[in-house]
Structure formats: C-alpha cells, structure tokens
Amino acid sequence: MNKVLASIAAVALSATITGCAPTTDGSVPGVSATCQSAPEGTALGKFEVSGGYGTVPTTSFDAPLTSTQIETKILSSGDGLKFTGDQMVELDFMAINGGTGETLQTTKFDGTDSASQLVASGGYPDFCTALAGVRAGSRISVLFPAEFAHKSEGAPQSGIGKDDSILYVIDVRSVYLPYAAGTKQPAVAGFPAVVRAPNGTPGITQLKEDAPTDFKLATLIKGDGEALSLGDNIVVHYSGFVWGGESFDSSWDRNQPAEFQLAESNLIKGFVKALEGQTVGSQVIAIIPPSEGYGDQGQGSIPPNSTLIFVIDILGTKKPAL
C-alpha cells in the first residue's frame, strides 16, 4: 500500500472487478480472511465528508483530530467483492493531515488515476486492517493516529508533525481475488501435480517422462466469473516452470499480481491460448511446447527449445473508467 499512496507512504510511512460471484455479503466461498477490520471508533464521527462515491469529497473537521487506534467508517456501502486481506485493490483517495487539515494528496475520483496495489497483511501503515470487510463500490473514511501513520516520527518536509494523524477518504473501486476460488476439478493424466500453500502459492511435482510435443491444458479449479476474451485487460497470479526443471518466474515471488492485456503482441502464444475462454476464479495448468513458447532462442534463464509449464490463477478483469 505504501506504493499506492506513494507520496504519503514516503513521508508517513471507472474500473470494476468482474470475478467469482460473491455471496450476498460480498464474501467468496473458499477465501479466508487474513485481516480483521478496524473499529469505527468515535473520532471519525467528528470528520464530516460530503459528496457521494465517485465524486471529489468535501471534508470538514476541527483539527487536531486523532484517536488511540486505527478507525474506519463506511460512508456508503457498495455491493461488490469484500476485501478480506492480501488482495489487490483499486482505490481513489484523498489524504489529509489530521493535525492541520491540509490536503496532502488526492486522486480525481473518476477512475482515471486510481491507485492499484496489493494490500498485504502485516504491512505498515496497516491498510489491510483499515480496508478489511469493505466491499467494492464503497466510500469509507479512515483515521491513522500518528503512531500508526508514521511511527510518531513526522515528516517536516511535508508539513507533518510527529503528533499529526492522517485521515483518508477512500472509494474502493475494485477488489480482486487473492487466488483462484471455485470448484476443484478431477485430476488429468499427463500433467504435473499441483499443490498450494495456504496463501495460494502453487508448487508442482515434475513428471519424469519426456515432455509432450503438443500444447496441453487442464482446469484445476473452475471459477464462476466472466470468461476471458482476447483484448481483455486481466489480473492474474502465475508461476512458470521449465519441464523437468525449476521455476523461472512467478508473480507470487514478487507479492504482486500481474496485469496485462490478453494479446499475442505482448505474451507468448501458449500463455494466451491457456487463458482465452477461461473464467475468472479459475486455476489452469498449461504445458507449452517450444513452438508456442520461446522457441529455439530461449529467454533469460529459459534454455532454447524448452517446454514450459504455467500454473495460472485468474483473479479478475479490468474495465476502463467511463
């Protein structure tokens, strides 16, 4: 999150989600919460916010305003996916110095400059707690006391004193799945076995037989979200392996899902082939021969003429702001 709110984090340490169909409360079966929500508290009752979701907010309060804990207040509730922790989100936000009332940073609140970031448990500032339980489409206010906003160190170069709290008004534009969530499918012969860590990170058990010469695809988990089409902007987690060898790339290792357009102009043919027509929430495994991978040239740590294995979790699609 300190990457999302870049200038604030440095000193203080219309997009939509189309994913698995949530339950009536916005949760997704099979997705466990990793962060507990912050209490509403009493201080935020003194922080007045005018304007609805998708509009630039107007705020009013008597400074200084602070609390003894992180506080979150839902100003208007959306009906999208619920944030439960360790998920990628898209946010519009306004950050305000709670000690002086000065606006520190703001987006346009129209989706054109929304911040996109994985919000992880255990981060500082603790936006995972601040956002926990909030559904996409909601507007919230958040208060970080100085201890939780900048470790009571302040940032004089930005006009933030050591006792100044930081207030936020946040529109939660999108919440993405943390990992594939759907119906497990029967195992298919000829594919490496896939195991998942509790956070969703996949590992495989390599087969000792020779690599197949043709492209092969199997669905391990079937999600019930939107089907992907060529040209879609998508969000996925993936791990890539050389047949009989080690992992050569993984978005899980970077703790950040990958975002790209589903097109052969920027992806190898086999990767596009593996995802076209698959549904959000699904996990697939693809075996990609050299002719649909990197061929006889190889790539980085991938030797020439390598057969590749990709395990891909489809977390969501991104729509342009209106």
C-alpha atoms as a PDB file:
ATOM      1  CA  MET A   1       0.000   0.000   0.000  1.00  0.00           C
ATOM      2  CA  ASN A   2       2.918   2.349   0.556  1.00  0.00           C
ATOM      3  CA  LYS A   3       3.464   2.066  -3.198  1.00  0.00           C
ATOM      4  CA  VAL A   4      -0.147   3.062  -3.849  1.00  0.00           C
ATOM      5  CA  LEU A   5      -0.115   6.176  -1.729  1.00  0.00           C
ATOM      6  CA  ALA A   6       3.399   6.932  -2.838  1.00  0.00           C
ATOM      7  CA  SER A   7       3.999  10.419  -1.537  1.00  0.00           C
ATOM      8  CA  ILE A   8       2.207   9.773   1.754  1.00  0.00           C
ATOM      9  CA  ALA A   9       3.981   6.483   2.381  1.00  0.00           C
ATOM     10  CA  ALA A  10       7.325   8.040   1.645  1.00  0.00           C
ATOM     11  CA  VAL A  11       6.824  10.538   4.416  1.00  0.00           C
ATOM     12  CA  ALA A  12       4.287   8.760   6.594  1.00  0.00           C
ATOM     13  CA  LEU A  13       5.005   5.528   6.229  1.00  0.00           C
ATOM     14  CA  SER A  14     -14.315   3.774 -13.753  1.00  0.00           C
ATOM     15  CA  ALA A  15     -12.611   0.427 -13.051  1.00  0.00           C
ATOM     16  CA  THR A  16     -14.698  -2.509 -11.894  1.00  0.00           C
ATOM     17  CA  ILE A  17     -13.990  -6.037 -10.820  1.00  0.00           C
ATOM     18  CA  THR A  18     -15.526  -8.949 -12.605  1.00  0.00           C
ATOM     19  CA  GLY A  19     -14.818 -12.067 -10.591  1.00  0.00           C
ATOM     20  CA  CYS A  20     -16.381 -15.025  -8.888  1.00  0.00           C
ATOM     21  CA  ALA A  21     -19.951 -14.357  -7.899  1.00  0.00           C
ATOM     22  CA  PRO A  22     -19.811 -13.225  -4.254  1.00  0.00           C
ATOM     23  CA  THR A  23     -22.389 -14.209  -1.666  1.00  0.00           C
ATOM     24  CA  THR A  24     -24.943 -11.653  -0.533  1.00  0.00           C
ATOM     25  CA  ASP A  25     -22.427 -10.167   1.917  1.00  0.00           C
ATOM     26  CA  GLY A  26     -19.657  -9.904  -0.685  1.00  0.00           C
ATOM     27  CA  SER A  27     -17.573 -12.835   0.523  1.00  0.00           C
ATOM     28  CA  VAL A  28     -16.354 -15.644  -1.758  1.00  0.00           C
ATOM     29  CA  PRO A  29     -16.566 -19.292  -0.656  1.00  0.00           C
ATOM     30  CA  GLY A  30     -13.100 -20.699  -0.141  1.00  0.00           C
ATOM     31  CA  VAL A  31     -11.456 -17.322   0.524  1.00  0.00           C
ATOM     32  CA  SER A  32     -10.424 -16.864   4.152  1.00  0.00           C
ATOM     33  CA  ALA A  33      -9.932 -13.518   5.865  1.00  0.00           C
ATOM     34  CA  THR A  34      -6.335 -12.646   6.752  1.00  0.00           C
ATOM     35  CA  CYS A  35      -7.059  -9.226   8.308  1.00  0.00           C
ATOM     36  CA  GLN A  36      -9.568  -8.168  10.936  1.00  0.00           C
ATOM     37  CA  SER A  37     -11.484  -4.947  10.352  1.00  0.00           C
ATOM     38  CA  ALA A  38     -10.742  -1.771  12.294  1.00  0.00           C
ATOM     39  CA  PRO A  39     -13.413  -0.467  14.688  1.00  0.00           C
ATOM     40  CA  GLU A  40     -15.415   2.613  13.739  1.00  0.00           C
ATOM     41  CA  GLY A  41     -14.394   4.334  16.952  1.00  0.00           C
ATOM     42  CA  THR A  42     -15.571   7.799  17.952  1.00  0.00           C
ATOM     43  CA  ALA A  43     -13.099  10.225  16.384  1.00  0.00           C
ATOM     44  CA  LEU A  44     -14.373   9.668  12.824  1.00  0.00           C
ATOM     45  CA  GLY A  45     -17.780  10.849  13.985  1.00  0.00           C
ATOM     46  CA  LYS A  46     -16.198  14.328  14.061  1.00  0.00           C
ATOM     47  CA  PHE A  47     -14.880  14.033  10.487  1.00  0.00           C
ATOM     48  CA  GLU A  48     -17.619  15.240   8.119  1.00  0.00           C
ATOM     49  CA  VAL A  49     -17.479  14.117   4.484  1.00  0.00           C
ATOM     50  CA  SER A  50     -19.816  15.458   1.784  1.00  0.00           C
ATOM     51  CA  GLY A  51     -20.263  14.013  -1.693  1.00  0.00           C
ATOM     52  CA  GLY A  52     -21.065  10.549  -2.927  1.00  0.00           C
ATOM     53  CA  TYR A  53     -18.986   7.701  -4.286  1.00  0.00           C
ATOM     54  CA  GLY A  54     -17.236   8.700  -7.492  1.00  0.00           C
ATOM     55  CA  THR A  55     -17.152  12.430  -6.710  1.00  0.00           C
ATOM     56  CA  VAL A  56     -14.393  14.529  -5.174  1.00  0.00           C
ATOM     57  CA  PRO A  57     -15.208  14.702  -1.451  1.00  0.00           C
ATOM     58  CA  THR A  58     -15.506  17.844   0.631  1.00  0.00           C
ATOM     59  CA  THR A  59     -14.363  17.423   4.234  1.00  0.00           C
ATOM     60  CA  SER A  60     -14.720  19.352   7.456  1.00  0.00           C
ATOM     61  CA  PHE A  61     -13.386  18.791  10.989  1.00  0.00           C
ATOM     62  CA  ASP A  62     -11.846  20.641  13.886  1.00  0.00           C
ATOM     63  CA  ALA A  63      -8.120  19.998  13.892  1.00  0.00           C
ATOM     64  CA  PRO A  64      -6.295  18.381  15.528  1.00  0.00           C
ATOM     65  CA  LEU A  65      -8.216  15.110  15.239  1.00  0.00           C
ATOM     66  CA  THR A  66      -6.765  11.832  16.420  1.00  0.00           C
ATOM     67  CA  SER A  67      -7.536   8.565  18.171  1.00  0.00           C
ATOM     68  CA  THR A  68      -5.789   5.798  20.067  1.00  0.00           C
ATOM     69  CA  GLN A  69      -6.422   3.264  17.289  1.00  0.00           C
ATOM     70  CA  ILE A  70      -6.973   2.912  13.550  1.00  0.00           C
ATOM     71  CA  GLU A  71     -10.615   3.745  12.797  1.00  0.00           C
ATOM     72  CA  THR A  72     -12.706   3.004   9.697  1.00  0.00           C
ATOM     73  CA  LYS A  73     -16.185   4.306   8.940  1.00  0.00           C
ATOM     74  CA  ILE A  74     -18.287   3.172   5.972  1.00  0.00           C
ATOM     75  CA  LEU A  75     -19.874   6.270   4.457  1.00  0.00           C
ATOM     76  CA  SER A  76     -21.721   4.379   1.707  1.00  0.00           C
ATOM     77  CA  SER A  77     -21.673   0.640   1.083  1.00  0.00           C
ATOM     78  CA  GLY A  78     -21.104  -0.972  -2.316  1.00  0.00           C
ATOM     79  CA  ASP A  79     -22.289  -4.382  -3.461  1.00  0.00           C
ATOM     80  CA  GLY A  80     -19.051  -5.773  -4.893  1.00  0.00           C
ATOM     81  CA  LEU A  81     -16.468  -8.226  -3.638  1.00  0.00           C
ATOM     82  CA  LYS A  82     -15.460  -7.867   0.013  1.00  0.00           C
ATOM     83  CA  PHE A  83     -11.845  -7.134   0.900  1.00  0.00           C
ATOM     84  CA  THR A  84     -10.639  -9.791   3.336  1.00  0.00           C
ATOM     85  CA  GLY A  85      -6.867  -9.266   3.128  1.00  0.00           C
ATOM     86  CA  ASP A  86      -3.858  -9.918   0.883  1.00  0.00           C
ATOM     87  CA  GLN A  87      -5.741  -8.811  -2.209  1.00  0.00           C
ATOM     88  CA  MET A  88      -5.125  -6.377  -5.000  1.00  0.00           C
ATOM     89  CA  VAL A  89      -7.395  -3.325  -4.933  1.00  0.00           C
ATOM     90  CA  GLU A  90      -8.009  -0.177  -6.952  1.00  0.00           C
ATOM     91  CA  LEU A  91      -8.680   2.947  -4.946  1.00  0.00           C
ATOM     92  CA  ASP A  92      -9.457   6.616  -5.328  1.00  0.00           C
ATOM     93  CA  PHE A  93      -8.402   8.513  -2.225  1.00  0.00           C
ATOM     94  CA  MET A  94      -7.837  11.835  -0.510  1.00  0.00           C
ATOM     95  CA  ALA A  95      -5.223  12.046   2.271  1.00  0.00           C
ATOM     96  CA  ILE A  96      -5.462  14.829   4.850  1.00  0.00           C
ATOM     97  CA  ASN A  97      -3.230  15.918   7.703  1.00  0.00           C
ATOM     98  CA  GLY A  98      -5.400  15.392  10.791  1.00  0.00           C
ATOM     99  CA  GLY A  99      -3.302  17.822  12.762  1.00  0.00           C
ATOM    100  CA  THR A 100      -3.585  20.803  10.401  1.00  0.00           C
ATOM    101  CA  GLY A 101      -6.444  19.989   7.997  1.00  0.00           C
ATOM    102  CA  GLU A 102      -4.140  20.298   4.972  1.00  0.00           C
ATOM    103  CA  THR A 103      -4.851  18.050   1.974  1.00  0.00           C
ATOM    104  CA  LEU A 104      -1.711  16.021   1.314  1.00  0.00           C
ATOM    105  CA  GLN A 105      -2.654  14.039  -1.787  1.00  0.00           C
ATOM    106  CA  THR A 106      -5.744  13.231  -3.847  1.00  0.00           C
ATOM    107  CA  THR A 107      -6.835  11.397  -6.973  1.00  0.00           C
ATOM    108  CA  LYS A 108      -9.522  12.691  -9.312  1.00  0.00           C
ATOM    109  CA  PHE A 109     -12.158  10.221  -8.052  1.00  0.00           C
ATOM    110  CA  ASP A 110     -13.254   9.441 -11.613  1.00  0.00           C
ATOM    111  CA  GLY A 111     -11.229   6.258 -12.130  1.00  0.00           C
ATOM    112  CA  THR A 112      -8.676   7.841 -14.469  1.00  0.00           C
ATOM    113  CA  ASP A 113      -5.837   7.943 -11.943  1.00  0.00           C
ATOM    114  CA  SER A 114      -6.895   5.315  -9.422  1.00  0.00           C
ATOM    115  CA  ALA A 115      -4.145   3.649  -7.407  1.00  0.00           C
ATOM    116  CA  SER A 116      -3.657  -0.096  -7.882  1.00  0.00           C
ATOM    117  CA  GLN A 117      -1.807  -2.192  -5.318  1.00  0.00           C
ATOM    118  CA  LEU A 118      -1.729  -5.459  -3.434  1.00  0.00           C
ATOM    119  CA  VAL A 119      -2.672  -4.736   0.189  1.00  0.00           C
ATOM    120  CA  ALA A 120      -0.918  -7.303   2.341  1.00  0.00           C
ATOM    121  CA  SER A 121      -1.411  -8.301   5.955  1.00  0.00           C
ATOM    122  CA  GLY A 122       1.325  -7.090   8.260  1.00  0.00           C
ATOM    123  CA  GLY A 123       2.060  -4.006   6.167  1.00  0.00           C
ATOM    124  CA  TYR A 124       2.762  -0.525   7.510  1.00  0.00           C
ATOM    125  CA  PRO A 125       0.704   1.606   7.514  1.00  0.00           C
ATOM    126  CA  ASP A 126      -1.845  -1.147   8.161  1.00  0.00           C
ATOM    127  CA  PHE A 127      -4.278  -0.599   5.294  1.00  0.00           C
ATOM    128  CA  CYS A 128      -5.179  -4.292   5.436  1.00  0.00           C
ATOM    129  CA  THR A 129      -6.924  -3.665   8.751  1.00  0.00           C
ATOM    130  CA  ALA A 130      -8.356  -0.348   7.540  1.00  0.00           C
ATOM    131  CA  LEU A 131      -9.965  -1.959   4.470  1.00  0.00           C
ATOM    132  CA  ALA A 132     -10.942  -5.345   5.911  1.00  0.00           C
ATOM    133  CA  GLY A 133     -14.629  -6.131   5.452  1.00  0.00           C
ATOM    134  CA  VAL A 134     -15.209  -3.269   2.988  1.00  0.00           C
ATOM    135  CA  ARG A 135     -16.928  -4.100  -0.315  1.00  0.00           C
ATOM    136  CA  ALA A 136     -16.034  -2.798  -3.752  1.00  0.00           C
ATOM    137  CA  GLY A 137     -18.163   0.228  -4.592  1.00  0.00           C
ATOM    138  CA  SER A 138     -17.952   1.613  -1.043  1.00  0.00           C
ATOM    139  CA  ARG A 139     -16.790   5.000   0.198  1.00  0.00           C
ATOM    140  CA  ILE A 140     -15.073   4.984   3.571  1.00  0.00           C
ATOM    141  CA  SER A 141     -13.183   7.307   5.878  1.00  0.00           C
ATOM    142  CA  VAL A 142     -10.089   6.108   7.739  1.00  0.00           C
ATOM    143  CA  LEU A 143      -8.067   7.617  10.578  1.00  0.00           C
ATOM    144  CA  PHE A 144      -4.466   6.635  11.252  1.00  0.00           C
ATOM    145  CA  PRO A 145      -3.143   8.119  14.522  1.00  0.00           C
ATOM    146  CA  ALA A 146       0.465   9.312  14.354  1.00  0.00           C
ATOM    147  CA  GLU A 147       1.763   6.072  15.866  1.00  0.00           C
ATOM    148  CA  PHE A 148       0.128   4.036  13.105  1.00  0.00           C
ATOM    149  CA  ALA A 149       0.689   6.520  10.265  1.00  0.00           C
ATOM    150  CA  HIS A 150       4.358   7.430  10.617  1.00  0.00           C
ATOM    151  CA  LYS A 151       5.557   5.867  13.888  1.00  0.00           C
ATOM    152  CA  SER A 152       5.187   9.292  15.538  1.00  0.00           C
ATOM    153  CA  GLU A 153       8.256  10.483  13.673  1.00  0.00           C
ATOM    154  CA  GLY A 154       6.507  13.046  11.490  1.00  0.00           C
ATOM    155  CA  ALA A 155       7.790  14.411   8.165  1.00  0.00           C
ATOM    156  CA  PRO A 156       8.733  18.094   8.477  1.00  0.00           C
ATOM    157  CA  GLN A 157       9.483  18.383   4.750  1.00  0.00           C
ATOM    158  CA  SER A 158       5.807  17.615   4.081  1.00  0.00           C
ATOM    159  CA  GLY A 159       4.404  19.596   6.975  1.00  0.00           C
ATOM    160  CA  ILE A 160       3.570  16.512   9.022  1.00  0.00           C
ATOM    161  CA  GLY A 161       4.321  16.828  12.719  1.00  0.00           C
ATOM    162  CA  LYS A 162       5.197  13.931  14.979  1.00  0.00           C
ATOM    163  CA  ASP A 163       1.738  14.071  16.609  1.00  0.00           C
ATOM    164  CA  ASP A 164      -0.260  14.542  13.387  1.00  0.00           C
ATOM    165  CA  SER A 165      -2.733  11.859  12.403  1.00  0.00           C
ATOM    166  CA  ILE A 166      -3.539  11.095   8.757  1.00  0.00           C
ATOM    167  CA  LEU A 167      -7.154  10.999   7.556  1.00  0.00           C
ATOM    168  CA  TYR A 168      -8.352   9.366   4.346  1.00  0.00           C
ATOM    169  CA  VAL A 169     -11.487   9.362   2.251  1.00  0.00           C
ATOM    170  CA  ILE A 170     -11.322   6.258   0.044  1.00  0.00           C
ATOM    171  CA  ASP A 171     -13.506   4.984  -2.788  1.00  0.00           C
ATOM    172  CA  VAL A 172     -12.891   1.256  -3.135  1.00  0.00           C
ATOM    173  CA  ARG A 173     -13.289   0.890  -6.876  1.00  0.00           C
ATOM    174  CA  SER A 174     -12.195  -2.731  -7.239  1.00  0.00           C
ATOM    175  CA  VAL A 175     -11.341  -5.743  -5.134  1.00  0.00           C
ATOM    176  CA  TYR A 176      -9.675  -8.732  -6.788  1.00  0.00           C
ATOM    177  CA  LEU A 177      -9.499 -12.329  -5.685  1.00  0.00           C
ATOM    178  CA  PRO A 178      -6.365 -13.262  -3.717  1.00  0.00           C
ATOM    179  CA  TYR A 179      -6.167 -16.618  -5.506  1.00  0.00           C
ATOM    180  CA  ALA A 180      -8.323 -18.948  -7.575  1.00  0.00           C
ATOM    181  CA  ALA A 181     -11.608 -19.756  -5.849  1.00  0.00           C
ATOM    182  CA  GLY A 182     -14.133 -22.135  -7.363  1.00  0.00           C
ATOM    183  CA  THR A 183     -14.851 -25.816  -7.814  1.00  0.00           C
ATOM    184  CA  LYS A 184     -11.939 -28.249  -7.814  1.00  0.00           C
ATOM    185  CA  GLN A 185     -11.794 -30.344 -10.952  1.00  0.00           C
ATOM    186  CA  PRO A 186     -10.732 -34.001 -11.319  1.00  0.00           C
ATOM    187  CA  ALA A 187      -7.036 -34.616 -11.955  1.00  0.00           C
ATOM    188  CA  VAL A 188      -5.997 -35.144 -15.571  1.00  0.00           C
ATOM    189  CA  ALA A 189      -3.321 -37.651 -16.539  1.00  0.00           C
ATOM    190  CA  GLY A 190      -0.130 -36.336 -18.115  1.00  0.00           C
ATOM    191  CA  PHE A 191       0.115 -33.159 -16.009  1.00  0.00           C
ATOM    192  CA  PRO A 192       2.385 -32.448 -13.027  1.00  0.00           C
ATOM    193  CA  ALA A 193       0.602 -32.488  -9.682  1.00  0.00           C
ATOM    194  CA  VAL A 194      -0.041 -29.024  -8.234  1.00  0.00           C
ATOM    195  CA  VAL A 195      -0.077 -28.224  -4.520  1.00  0.00           C
ATOM    196  CA  ARG A 196      -0.951 -24.862  -2.986  1.00  0.00           C
ATOM    197  CA  ALA A 197       0.406 -23.119   0.088  1.00  0.00           C
ATOM    198  CA  PRO A 198      -2.202 -21.574   2.421  1.00  0.00           C
ATOM    199  CA  ASN A 199      -1.790 -18.203   0.674  1.00  0.00           C
ATOM    200  CA  GLY A 200      -2.391 -19.786  -2.740  1.00  0.00           C
ATOM    201  CA  THR A 201       1.214 -20.032  -3.981  1.00  0.00           C
ATOM    202  CA  PRO A 202       1.442 -23.116  -6.226  1.00  0.00           C
ATOM    203  CA  GLY A 203       4.179 -25.698  -6.464  1.00  0.00           C
ATOM    204  CA  ILE A 204       4.401 -28.670  -8.800  1.00  0.00           C
ATOM    205  CA  THR A 205       5.679 -32.233  -8.749  1.00  0.00           C
ATOM    206  CA  GLN A 206       7.572 -32.677 -12.003  1.00  0.00           C
ATOM    207  CA  LEU A 207       6.944 -35.739 -14.145  1.00  0.00           C
ATOM    208  CA  LYS A 208       9.953 -37.891 -15.038  1.00  0.00           C
ATOM    209  CA  GLU A 209       8.717 -38.690 -18.527  1.00  0.00           C
ATOM    210  CA  ASP A 210       9.649 -36.823 -21.685  1.00  0.00           C
ATOM    211  CA  ALA A 211       7.854 -33.568 -22.371  1.00  0.00           C
ATOM    212  CA  PRO A 212       4.814 -33.790 -24.661  1.00  0.00           C
ATOM    213  CA  THR A 213       5.242 -32.244 -28.076  1.00  0.00           C
ATOM    214  CA  ASP A 214       1.773 -30.670 -28.224  1.00  0.00           C
ATOM    215  CA  PHE A 215       0.107 -27.919 -26.215  1.00  0.00           C
ATOM    216  CA  LYS A 216      -1.902 -29.296 -23.273  1.00  0.00           C
ATOM    217  CA  LEU A 217      -4.317 -27.530 -20.953  1.00  0.00           C
ATOM    218  CA  ALA A 218      -6.260 -28.585 -17.856  1.00  0.00           C
ATOM    219  CA  THR A 219      -8.527 -26.687 -15.477  1.00  0.00           C
ATOM    220  CA  LEU A 220      -7.674 -27.387 -11.839  1.00  0.00           C
ATOM    221  CA  ILE A 221     -10.221 -25.041 -10.266  1.00  0.00           C
ATOM    222  CA  LYS A 222     -13.280 -23.807 -12.153  1.00  0.00           C
ATOM    223  CA  GLY A 223     -14.364 -20.289 -11.234  1.00  0.00           C
ATOM    224  CA  ASP A 224     -17.828 -18.898 -11.956  1.00  0.00           C
ATOM    225  CA  GLY A 225     -16.772 -15.447 -13.129  1.00  0.00           C
ATOM    226  CA  GLU A 226     -16.666 -13.827 -16.545  1.00  0.00           C
ATOM    227  CA  ALA A 227     -14.997 -15.684 -19.432  1.00  0.00           C
ATOM    228  CA  LEU A 228     -11.829 -14.046 -20.765  1.00  0.00           C
ATOM    229  CA  SER A 229     -11.673 -12.784 -24.337  1.00  0.00           C
ATOM    230  CA  LEU A 230      -8.776 -11.638 -26.492  1.00  0.00           C
ATOM    231  CA  GLY A 231      -8.042  -7.984 -25.801  1.00  0.00           C
ATOM    232  CA  ASP A 232      -9.264  -8.084 -22.198  1.00  0.00           C
ATOM    233  CA  ASN A 233      -7.163  -6.414 -19.518  1.00  0.00           C
ATOM    234  CA  ILE A 234      -6.721  -9.051 -16.864  1.00  0.00           C
ATOM    235  CA  VAL A 235      -5.194  -9.622 -13.426  1.00  0.00           C
ATOM    236  CA  VAL A 236      -3.569 -12.989 -12.697  1.00  0.00           C
ATOM    237  CA  HIS A 237      -1.085 -14.734 -10.453  1.00  0.00           C
ATOM    238  CA  TYR A 238       1.188 -17.201 -12.235  1.00  0.00           C
ATOM    239  CA  SER A 239       4.194 -19.433 -11.788  1.00  0.00           C
ATOM    240  CA  GLY A 240       6.237 -20.677 -14.730  1.00  0.00           C
ATOM    241  CA  PHE A 241       8.434 -23.799 -14.746  1.00  0.00           C
ATOM    242  CA  VAL A 242      10.719 -25.449 -17.263  1.00  0.00           C
ATOM    243  CA  TRP A 243       9.685 -29.056 -17.909  1.00  0.00           C
ATOM    244  CA  GLY A 244      11.831 -31.214 -15.635  1.00  0.00           C
ATOM    245  CA  GLY A 245      13.436 -28.142 -14.047  1.00  0.00           C
ATOM    246  CA  GLU A 246      12.849 -25.239 -11.724  1.00  0.00           C
ATOM    247  CA  SER A 247      10.597 -22.199 -11.634  1.00  0.00           C
ATOM    248  CA  PHE A 248      11.872 -19.393 -13.848  1.00  0.00           C
ATOM    249  CA  ASP A 249       9.295 -16.722 -12.992  1.00  0.00           C
ATOM    250  CA  SER A 250       6.482 -16.211 -10.517  1.00  0.00           C
ATOM    251  CA  SER A 251       4.291 -13.240  -9.661  1.00  0.00           C
ATOM    252  CA  TRP A 252       3.837 -14.845  -6.231  1.00  0.00           C
ATOM    253  CA  ASP A 253       7.540 -14.290  -5.516  1.00  0.00           C
ATOM    254  CA  ARG A 254       7.065 -10.579  -6.209  1.00  0.00           C
ATOM    255  CA  ASN A 255       4.000 -10.430  -3.949  1.00  0.00           C
ATOM    256  CA  GLN A 256       2.165  -8.596  -6.723  1.00  0.00           C
ATOM    257  CA  PRO A 257      -0.321  -9.984  -9.263  1.00  0.00           C
ATOM    258  CA  ALA A 258       0.415  -9.359 -12.920  1.00  0.00           C
ATOM    259  CA  GLU A 259      -1.739  -7.019 -15.008  1.00  0.00           C
ATOM    260  CA  PHE A 260      -1.692  -7.153 -18.806  1.00  0.00           C
ATOM    261  CA  GLN A 261      -3.779  -7.302 -21.941  1.00  0.00           C
ATOM    262  CA  LEU A 262      -4.610 -10.779 -23.198  1.00  0.00           C
ATOM    263  CA  ALA A 263      -2.950 -10.487 -26.609  1.00  0.00           C
ATOM    264  CA  GLU A 264      -0.137 -12.217 -28.504  1.00  0.00           C
ATOM    265  CA  SER A 265       1.502  -8.845 -29.068  1.00  0.00           C
ATOM    266  CA  ASN A 266       2.927  -8.943 -25.533  1.00  0.00           C
ATOM    267  CA  LEU A 267       2.579 -12.591 -24.453  1.00  0.00           C
ATOM    268  CA  ILE A 268       3.768 -15.915 -25.808  1.00  0.00           C
ATOM    269  CA  LYS A 269       1.180 -17.756 -27.867  1.00  0.00           C
ATOM    270  CA  GLY A 270       0.781 -20.624 -25.405  1.00  0.00           C
ATOM    271  CA  PHE A 271       0.039 -18.293 -22.490  1.00  0.00           C
ATOM    272  CA  VAL A 272      -2.730 -16.564 -24.439  1.00  0.00           C
ATOM    273  CA  LYS A 273      -4.065 -19.923 -25.595  1.00  0.00           C
ATOM    274  CA  ALA A 274      -4.181 -21.114 -21.985  1.00  0.00           C
ATOM    275  CA  LEU A 275      -6.324 -18.180 -20.822  1.00  0.00           C
ATOM    276  CA  GLU A 276      -8.695 -17.373 -23.674  1.00  0.00           C
ATOM    277  CA  GLY A 277     -12.187 -18.556 -22.725  1.00  0.00           C
ATOM    278  CA  GLN A 278     -11.268 -19.386 -19.127  1.00  0.00           C
ATOM    279  CA  THR A 279     -13.371 -17.899 -16.330  1.00  0.00           C
ATOM    280  CA  VAL A 280     -12.396 -15.558 -13.501  1.00  0.00           C
ATOM    281  CA  GLY A 281     -11.740 -17.526 -10.320  1.00  0.00           C
ATOM    282  CA  SER A 282     -10.237 -20.450 -12.225  1.00  0.00           C
ATOM    283  CA  GLN A 283      -6.793 -22.001 -11.919  1.00  0.00           C
ATOM    284  CA  VAL A 284      -5.360 -23.647 -15.019  1.00  0.00           C
ATOM    285  CA  ILE A 285      -2.193 -25.546 -15.813  1.00  0.00           C
ATOM    286  CA  ALA A 286      -0.739 -25.353 -19.309  1.00  0.00           C
ATOM    287  CA  ILE A 287       2.079 -27.336 -20.931  1.00  0.00           C
ATOM    288  CA  ILE A 288       3.534 -25.200 -23.699  1.00  0.00           C
ATOM    289  CA  PRO A 289       5.880 -26.658 -26.340  1.00  0.00           C
ATOM    290  CA  PRO A 290       8.767 -24.533 -27.681  1.00  0.00           C
ATOM    291  CA  SER A 291       6.805 -23.670 -30.828  1.00  0.00           C
ATOM    292  CA  GLU A 292       4.231 -21.825 -28.689  1.00  0.00           C
ATOM    293  CA  GLY A 293       6.748 -20.567 -26.129  1.00  0.00           C
ATOM    294  CA  TYR A 294      10.199 -19.097 -26.700  1.00  0.00           C
ATOM    295  CA  GLY A 295      11.292 -21.470 -29.466  1.00  0.00           C
ATOM    296  CA  ASP A 296      14.947 -22.125 -30.172  1.00  0.00           C
ATOM    297  CA  GLN A 297      16.004 -18.712 -28.832  1.00  0.00           C
ATOM    298  CA  GLY A 298      15.153 -19.241 -25.189  1.00  0.00           C
ATOM    299  CA  GLN A 299      14.600 -16.316 -22.833  1.00  0.00           C
ATOM    300  CA  GLY A 300      16.675 -15.291 -19.814  1.00  0.00           C
ATOM    301  CA  SER A 301      17.094 -18.400 -17.651  1.00  0.00           C
ATOM    302  CA  ILE A 302      14.912 -20.451 -20.032  1.00  0.00           C
ATOM    303  CA  PRO A 303      17.109 -22.649 -22.271  1.00  0.00           C
ATOM    304  CA  PRO A 304      16.389 -22.840 -26.016  1.00  0.00           C
ATOM    305  CA  ASN A 305      13.757 -25.387 -27.072  1.00  0.00           C
ATOM    306  CA  SER A 306      12.272 -25.597 -23.572  1.00  0.00           C
ATOM    307  CA  THR A 307       8.821 -26.960 -22.859  1.00  0.00           C
ATOM    308  CA  LEU A 308       7.157 -24.716 -20.286  1.00  0.00           C
ATOM    309  CA  ILE A 309       4.602 -25.326 -17.556  1.00  0.00           C
ATOM    310  CA  PHE A 310       2.442 -22.469 -16.279  1.00  0.00           C
ATOM    311  CA  VAL A 311       0.063 -22.559 -13.317  1.00  0.00           C
ATOM    312  CA  ILE A 312      -2.213 -19.520 -13.569  1.00  0.00           C
ATOM    313  CA  ASP A 313      -4.814 -18.133 -11.143  1.00  0.00           C
ATOM    314  CA  ILE A 314      -7.299 -15.781 -12.831  1.00  0.00           C
ATOM    315  CA  LEU A 315      -8.101 -13.033 -10.304  1.00  0.00           C
ATOM    316  CA  GLY A 316     -10.209 -10.596 -12.308  1.00  0.00           C
ATOM    317  CA  THR A 317     -10.676  -8.414 -15.351  1.00  0.00           C
ATOM    318  CA  LYS A 318     -10.292  -4.658 -15.566  1.00  0.00           C
ATOM    319  CA  LYS A 319     -12.685  -2.373 -17.386  1.00  0.00           C
ATOM    320  CA  PRO A 320     -11.738   1.151 -18.453  1.00  0.00           C
ATOM    321  CA  ALA A 321     -13.153   4.051 -16.480  1.00  0.00           C
ATOM    322  CA  LEU A 322     -16.204   5.641 -18.089  1.00  0.00           C
END
